[in-house]
Structures are given as structure tokens and as C-alpha cells.
Protein backbone atom coordinates (compact mmCIF):
# COMPACT_ATOMS: atom_id res chain seq x y z
CA MET A 1 0.00 0.03 -0.03
CA PRO A 2 1.56 3.34 -0.97
CA PRO A 3 2.09 6.06 1.73
CA LYS A 4 -0.48 8.69 2.02
CA ARG A 5 0.39 12.03 0.49
CA VAL A 6 0.87 14.90 2.86
CA VAL A 7 0.08 18.40 1.73
CA VAL A 8 2.12 21.17 3.43
CA GLN A 9 0.82 24.70 3.13
CA SER A 10 3.42 27.51 2.93
CA GLY A 11 3.14 30.89 4.90
CA ARG A 12 2.44 32.50 1.50
CA ARG A 13 -1.33 32.05 1.92
CA GLU A 14 -1.45 34.07 5.15
CA GLN A 15 0.21 37.05 3.34
CA GLU A 16 -2.31 36.81 0.60
CA ASP A 17 -5.19 36.94 3.01
CA ALA A 18 -3.84 39.75 5.06
CA GLY A 19 -4.21 42.49 2.38
CA LEU A 20 -2.29 45.63 2.03
CA PHE A 21 -2.65 47.13 5.48
CA GLY A 22 -2.21 43.77 7.37
CA THR A 23 0.96 43.06 5.35
CA ALA A 24 2.29 46.67 6.02
CA TYR A 25 1.57 46.31 9.79
CA LYS A 26 3.41 42.97 9.88
CA GLU A 27 6.48 44.49 8.11
CA ILE A 28 6.52 47.55 10.34
CA THR A 29 6.30 45.62 13.52
CA LYS A 30 9.08 43.14 12.72
CA PRO A 31 12.00 43.55 15.12
CA GLU A 32 14.51 43.67 12.18
CA ASN A 33 12.79 46.87 10.87
CA ALA A 34 12.64 48.72 14.17
CA THR A 35 15.58 50.93 13.57
CA ILE A 36 14.26 52.13 10.16
CA VAL A 37 10.73 52.69 11.65
CA ARG A 38 12.22 54.74 14.45
CA SER A 39 14.33 56.84 12.14
CA VAL A 40 11.20 57.73 9.96
CA VAL A 41 9.16 58.50 12.99
CA ILE A 42 11.88 60.85 14.46
CA PHE A 43 12.37 62.52 11.08
CA SER A 44 8.68 63.05 10.64
CA ALA A 45 8.39 64.54 14.12
CA ALA A 46 11.33 66.98 13.40
CA VAL A 47 9.79 68.07 10.07
CA ALA A 48 6.48 68.66 11.82
CA PHE A 49 8.21 70.62 14.56
CA PHE A 50 10.13 72.83 12.38
CA HIS A 51 7.08 73.50 10.19
CA SER A 52 4.87 74.49 13.17
CA SER A 53 4.95 77.74 15.05
CA LEU A 54 6.73 76.25 17.94
CA SER A 55 10.04 76.37 16.12
CA GLU A 56 10.01 80.16 16.55
CA PHE A 57 11.12 79.52 20.09
CA LEU A 58 14.55 78.53 18.69
CA ILE A 59 15.18 81.93 17.12
CA PRO A 60 17.28 84.09 19.53
CA PRO A 61 15.77 87.37 20.51
CA LEU A 62 17.18 90.52 18.91
């Protein structure tokens, strides 16, 4: 009697079901991407600060 055939699913199916936002969230929260995510967040915060009126506090008085 031949052995039964075992079908193994790959993790690829989970990625297809997750959709765009689910896949993006998984990639952002991976530990190997933590430094890049932190850098982007800090850069975005700095740009927002310098674009706001709060950045006028950095200008020395005349």
C-alpha cells in the first residue's frame, strides 16, 4: 500500500489573505525593521516641529 500524500501549506497564503494594510503592519512591527521605523518617526516629528509655529522659540531674541 503506497504512503499517504501529505500536503504542506506555505506561509504565502497568510500573506495573501492579510491584504495591504495587514501586510504593511506585519512588516512595520518586525524587530528587524525597528531601527528604520524609529528613524522615519523621528524625522517626521522633526519636520512637523520645524514646520509649526513652535519652532520660533529656537530663534534668539534681537
